[in-house]
Amino acid sequence: MDYIRVLPKNLLSQAIGSLVSIEHPESLARKARDWFIKRYQINMAEAELPLESYPSISKLFTRKLKPGIRPIGDGIVHPCDAFLSCADEIDYDTLIQAKGKKYSLSKLLANDKAPQIYTGGSHLVYYLCPTDYHRVHSPVDGEVTKVTHVPGKLWPVNVWSVQNIDELFSVNERVIFHIETALGPVELVMVGATNVGKITVSFDEEIVSNRVGQSHVPFVKSYLKPIKVSKGDELGVFNMGSTVVMIYPHGMLSVLPRLHKVKLGESV
């Protein structure tokens, strides 16, 4: 896997993003859709629109679900369809990435004050594979007061990378949603990956990751009028499979959930 270290991952992701966004004539689009659905075992019975309504692989990949297909449970809920790969306590500035590998909370959130806010809290890591629904939703009721886009690398987020790349989630490009709730602040981090460079914010077209020629400096957008969100409201979209990291303050999660495949809206 050492070849991955020398690949131009950001440029590769931009190129693949452009290719899968091409809208082909229906005859070609149908063949591409059929291949994609078979290759990744996509459940089109859950899709909002009929198959022929998606003129590109990108549109199919970022499809919405039928209304009501993911009931919203009680309390805090899972923000996406994914495999919950990590659930652990936050030890001041330290988060567990893999056995023997740790990473920095303050670097992940691009916020030096984060350890004081979240020490003793909980962090959950969700891995989205290509088969999954790729829109990410709020797990809580609250207000989005700011969104931070942190440019960075686009390492894969597979098992090899998690076990071998130092500070993987805090060196990869990411978009961070800061949500104020009645029980304290919550952070939802959408982490980009190879072929998944593009992350869009559903309520703000200004924020898009991995743009050609983008600045290397983090961009913070604070909202004078916070964006009110309810559990299940859409926050952002991945254009391929990737990772979501949730950060909760001390006491918000009474019990850490078991590691398993989860669906958007299920109670944590």
Protein backbone atom coordinates (compact mmCIF):
# COMPACT_ATOMS: atom_id res chain seq x y z
CA MET A 1 0.00 0.00 0.00
CA ASP A 2 3.03 2.32 0.02
CA TYR A 3 2.11 3.55 -3.48
CA ILE A 4 -0.76 5.47 -1.87
CA ARG A 5 1.77 7.72 -0.14
CA VAL A 6 3.02 9.12 -3.45
CA LEU A 7 -0.27 9.40 -5.34
CA PRO A 8 -1.50 13.00 -5.94
CA LYS A 9 -4.64 12.20 -3.95
CA ASN A 10 -6.29 15.64 -4.05
CA LEU A 11 -5.85 16.01 -7.82
CA LEU A 12 -6.98 12.43 -8.37
CA SER A 13 -10.11 13.09 -6.34
CA GLN A 14 -10.88 16.25 -8.32
CA ALA A 15 -10.47 14.34 -11.59
CA ILE A 16 -12.68 11.44 -10.53
CA GLY A 17 -15.24 13.89 -9.19
CA SER A 18 -15.40 15.57 -12.60
CA LEU A 19 -15.74 12.23 -14.41
CA VAL A 20 -18.60 10.91 -12.29
CA SER A 21 -20.43 14.25 -12.64
CA ILE A 22 -20.64 14.00 -16.45
CA GLU A 23 -24.25 13.67 -17.58
CA HIS A 24 -24.36 11.13 -20.41
CA PRO A 25 -27.08 10.46 -22.99
CA GLU A 26 -29.72 8.14 -21.55
CA SER A 27 -28.38 5.01 -23.29
CA LEU A 28 -24.92 5.47 -21.75
CA ALA A 29 -26.31 6.73 -18.44
CA ARG A 30 -28.43 3.59 -18.13
CA LYS A 31 -25.39 1.34 -18.57
CA ALA A 32 -23.38 3.36 -16.04
CA ARG A 33 -26.24 3.26 -13.51
CA ASP A 34 -26.75 -0.48 -13.95
CA TRP A 35 -23.05 -1.16 -13.43
CA PHE A 36 -22.87 1.11 -10.38
CA ILE A 37 -25.96 -0.39 -8.73
CA LYS A 38 -24.74 -3.94 -9.30
CA ARG A 39 -21.16 -3.17 -8.23
CA TYR A 40 -22.17 -1.49 -4.96
CA GLN A 41 -25.51 -3.25 -4.30
CA ILE A 42 -27.46 0.02 -4.09
CA ASN A 43 -30.98 -0.32 -2.67
CA MET A 44 -32.97 1.77 -5.15
CA ALA A 45 -36.24 0.90 -3.39
CA GLU A 46 -35.28 3.56 -0.83
CA ALA A 47 -34.37 6.27 -3.37
CA GLU A 48 -36.57 9.35 -3.65
CA LEU A 49 -36.65 9.27 -7.47
CA PRO A 50 -36.88 6.51 -10.10
CA LEU A 51 -33.61 5.22 -11.53
CA GLU A 52 -33.90 7.09 -14.86
CA SER A 53 -33.98 10.42 -12.98
CA TYR A 54 -30.23 10.21 -12.23
CA PRO A 55 -28.24 11.33 -15.33
CA SER A 56 -24.80 10.83 -13.74
CA ILE A 57 -23.08 8.55 -11.24
CA SER A 58 -22.62 11.56 -8.94
CA LYS A 59 -26.36 12.29 -8.92
CA LEU A 60 -27.07 8.63 -8.18
CA PHE A 61 -24.45 8.51 -5.46
CA THR A 62 -25.85 11.57 -3.69
CA ARG A 63 -29.49 10.48 -4.09
CA LYS A 64 -32.02 11.47 -1.45
CA LEU A 65 -34.20 8.92 0.33
CA LYS A 66 -37.96 8.65 0.19
CA PRO A 67 -39.60 10.80 2.91
CA GLY A 68 -40.10 8.84 6.12
CA ILE A 69 -37.88 5.91 5.09
CA ARG A 70 -35.61 6.58 8.11
CA PRO A 71 -37.78 7.12 11.23
CA ILE A 72 -36.17 9.41 13.81
CA GLY A 73 -35.74 7.75 17.21
CA ASP A 74 -35.73 9.11 20.75
CA GLY A 75 -32.80 11.03 22.23
CA ILE A 76 -29.56 11.46 20.30
CA VAL A 77 -29.63 9.60 16.97
CA HIS A 78 -27.08 8.35 14.47
CA PRO A 79 -26.35 11.00 11.77
CA CYS A 80 -25.92 8.66 8.81
CA ASP A 81 -26.08 5.16 7.39
CA ALA A 82 -22.68 3.71 8.29
CA PHE A 83 -20.63 1.26 10.31
CA LEU A 84 -19.97 2.63 13.80
CA SER A 85 -16.27 1.77 13.99
CA CYS A 86 -15.27 3.53 17.23
CA ALA A 87 -17.02 4.72 20.39
CA ASP A 88 -14.78 5.94 23.17
CA GLU A 89 -14.23 8.54 25.88
CA ILE A 90 -12.30 11.73 25.17
CA ASP A 91 -9.14 11.91 27.28
CA TYR A 92 -8.47 15.67 27.26
CA ASP A 93 -6.84 16.22 23.83
CA THR A 94 -6.55 12.53 22.93
CA LEU A 95 -8.84 10.47 20.69
CA ILE A 96 -8.39 6.81 19.78
CA GLN A 97 -7.83 6.19 16.06
CA ALA A 98 -6.81 2.50 16.20
CA LYS A 99 -5.01 0.14 18.55
CA GLY A 100 -1.78 1.93 19.47
CA LYS A 101 -2.68 5.03 17.43
CA LYS A 102 -4.13 8.27 18.75
CA TYR A 103 -4.93 11.69 17.34
CA SER A 104 -5.54 15.20 18.61
CA LEU A 105 -9.00 16.60 19.35
CA SER A 106 -7.79 20.20 19.02
CA LYS A 107 -6.24 19.45 15.62
CA LEU A 108 -9.36 17.61 14.44
CA LEU A 109 -11.59 20.57 15.32
CA ALA A 110 -8.98 23.25 14.48
CA ASN A 111 -9.72 24.67 17.93
CA ASP A 112 -7.13 24.88 20.73
CA LYS A 113 -9.91 25.31 23.31
CA ALA A 114 -11.63 22.04 22.41
CA PRO A 115 -9.97 19.90 25.14
CA GLN A 116 -11.33 22.14 27.90
CA ILE A 117 -14.83 21.90 26.41
CA TYR A 118 -14.99 18.19 25.61
CA THR A 119 -12.67 16.36 28.04
CA GLY A 120 -14.49 13.39 29.53
CA GLY A 121 -16.99 13.47 26.70
CA SER A 122 -17.54 10.93 23.94
CA HIS A 123 -16.42 10.53 20.35
CA LEU A 124 -18.04 8.26 17.78
CA VAL A 125 -16.58 7.40 14.37
CA TYR A 126 -18.81 6.35 11.47
CA TYR A 127 -17.42 4.78 8.29
CA LEU A 128 -19.58 5.16 5.17
CA CYS A 129 -18.92 2.63 2.42
CA PRO A 130 -19.94 3.21 -1.23
CA THR A 131 -23.12 1.18 -0.69
CA ASP A 132 -24.40 3.60 1.95
CA TYR A 133 -26.67 6.62 1.65
CA HIS A 134 -24.30 9.60 1.56
CA ARG A 135 -26.18 12.48 3.09
CA VAL A 136 -25.37 13.40 6.69
CA HIS A 137 -28.01 14.66 9.11
CA SER A 138 -28.14 16.31 12.52
CA PRO A 139 -28.20 13.84 15.43
CA VAL A 140 -29.61 16.48 17.79
CA ASP A 141 -31.97 19.44 18.05
CA GLY A 142 -30.06 22.70 18.20
CA GLU A 143 -28.51 25.57 16.26
CA VAL A 144 -25.54 25.52 13.91
CA THR A 145 -23.55 28.59 14.97
CA LYS A 146 -20.53 28.07 12.73
CA VAL A 147 -19.10 25.82 10.04
CA THR A 148 -15.35 25.37 9.56
CA HIS A 149 -13.75 24.08 6.35
CA VAL A 150 -10.22 22.78 6.96
CA PRO A 151 -8.29 22.06 3.73
CA GLY A 152 -5.98 19.06 3.95
CA LYS A 153 -4.90 15.72 2.57
CA LEU A 154 -7.24 13.15 1.06
CA TRP A 155 -5.92 9.85 2.37
CA PRO A 156 -8.25 6.87 2.07
CA VAL A 157 -10.11 6.19 5.33
CA ASN A 158 -9.99 2.39 5.01
CA VAL A 159 -8.58 -0.01 7.60
CA TRP A 160 -5.02 0.28 6.25
CA SER A 161 -5.02 4.07 6.55
CA VAL A 162 -6.62 4.07 10.01
CA GLN A 163 -3.88 1.71 11.22
CA ASN A 164 -0.94 3.35 9.41
CA ILE A 165 -1.49 7.09 8.83
CA ASP A 166 -0.74 9.30 11.83
CA GLU A 167 -3.50 11.74 12.77
CA LEU A 168 -5.55 10.53 9.78
CA PHE A 169 -8.80 12.35 10.58
CA SER A 170 -7.04 15.57 11.55
CA VAL A 171 -4.81 15.76 8.45
CA ASN A 172 -7.53 14.94 5.92
CA GLU A 173 -9.71 17.69 4.49
CA ARG A 174 -12.87 18.14 6.55
CA VAL A 175 -15.94 20.25 7.27
CA ILE A 176 -16.91 20.83 10.91
CA PHE A 177 -20.41 21.74 12.09
CA HIS A 178 -20.59 23.37 15.54
CA ILE A 179 -24.07 22.77 16.99
CA GLU A 180 -25.28 24.39 20.21
CA THR A 181 -27.88 22.33 22.07
CA ALA A 182 -29.77 22.58 25.35
CA LEU A 183 -27.30 20.06 26.82
CA GLY A 184 -24.13 21.66 25.51
CA PRO A 185 -22.13 21.99 22.28
CA VAL A 186 -21.76 19.16 19.75
CA GLU A 187 -19.32 18.84 16.84
CA LEU A 188 -20.07 16.90 13.66
CA VAL A 189 -17.02 16.42 11.44
CA MET A 190 -17.35 15.26 7.83
CA VAL A 191 -13.93 13.91 6.82
CA GLY A 192 -12.96 13.73 3.15
CA ALA A 193 -11.02 10.86 1.59
CA THR A 194 -9.48 9.77 -1.72
CA ASN A 195 -12.19 10.08 -4.41
CA VAL A 196 -14.39 11.79 -1.80
CA GLY A 197 -12.83 15.21 -1.82
CA LYS A 198 -16.06 17.08 -2.43
CA ILE A 199 -18.16 17.79 0.64
CA THR A 200 -21.05 20.24 0.33
CA VAL A 201 -23.05 21.99 3.05
CA SER A 202 -26.78 21.63 2.49
CA PHE A 203 -27.76 25.07 3.80
CA ASP A 204 -24.76 27.09 2.55
CA GLU A 205 -23.53 26.89 -1.06
CA GLU A 206 -20.43 28.96 -0.21
CA ILE A 207 -18.78 26.04 1.60
CA VAL A 208 -17.49 23.29 -0.72
CA SER A 209 -14.35 21.25 -0.08
CA ASN A 210 -11.50 20.28 -2.44
CA ARG A 211 -12.05 23.02 -4.97
CA VAL A 212 -9.40 23.63 -7.61
CA GLY A 213 -7.18 26.51 -6.46
CA GLN A 214 -8.69 26.70 -2.97
CA SER A 215 -6.81 28.33 -0.10
CA HIS A 216 -4.82 26.14 2.29
CA VAL A 217 -6.03 28.23 5.24
CA PRO A 218 -9.04 27.06 7.30
CA PHE A 219 -12.22 28.98 6.54
CA VAL A 220 -14.58 29.67 9.45
CA LYS A 221 -18.09 30.92 8.79
CA SER A 222 -20.00 32.09 11.86
CA TYR A 223 -23.74 32.70 11.59
CA LEU A 224 -25.06 35.84 13.27
CA LYS A 225 -28.46 34.23 12.87
CA PRO A 226 -27.79 30.58 13.80
CA ILE A 227 -29.21 27.83 11.58
CA LYS A 228 -31.90 26.00 13.55
CA VAL A 229 -31.82 22.23 13.05
CA SER A 230 -33.97 19.38 14.29
CA LYS A 231 -32.90 15.77 14.60
CA GLY A 232 -32.83 14.30 11.12
CA ASP A 233 -32.36 17.60 9.25
CA GLU A 234 -29.80 17.34 6.47
CA LEU A 235 -26.44 19.04 7.10
CA GLY A 236 -24.12 17.96 4.30
CA VAL A 237 -23.37 15.59 1.44
CA PHE A 238 -20.41 13.32 0.62
CA ASN A 239 -19.78 12.60 -3.04
CA MET A 240 -18.33 9.15 -2.21
CA GLY A 241 -17.93 7.02 0.94
CA SER A 242 -16.05 8.57 3.84
CA THR A 243 -16.13 9.18 7.60
CA VAL A 244 -18.12 11.18 10.15
CA VAL A 245 -16.67 11.91 13.60
CA MET A 246 -19.09 13.00 16.34
CA ILE A 247 -17.85 14.84 19.43
CA TYR A 248 -20.15 15.07 22.48
CA PRO A 249 -19.50 16.83 25.82
CA HIS A 250 -19.27 15.02 29.14
CA GLY A 251 -22.60 13.58 30.26
CA MET A 252 -24.47 13.89 26.98
CA LEU A 253 -24.11 10.17 26.18
CA SER A 254 -24.81 8.10 29.28
CA VAL A 255 -23.63 4.85 27.64
CA LEU A 256 -21.27 4.30 24.72
CA PRO A 257 -23.01 2.38 21.92
CA ARG A 258 -21.75 -0.97 20.64
CA LEU A 259 -19.88 -1.07 17.34
CA HIS A 260 -22.23 -2.20 14.57
CA LYS A 261 -23.94 -1.21 11.32
CA VAL A 262 -26.34 1.68 11.97
CA LYS A 263 -29.00 3.59 10.08
CA LEU A 264 -29.69 7.31 10.04
CA GLY A 265 -32.19 8.23 12.76
CA GLU A 266 -31.71 5.19 14.99
CA SER A 267 -31.27 6.07 18.67
CA VAL A 268 -27.69 6.04 19.91
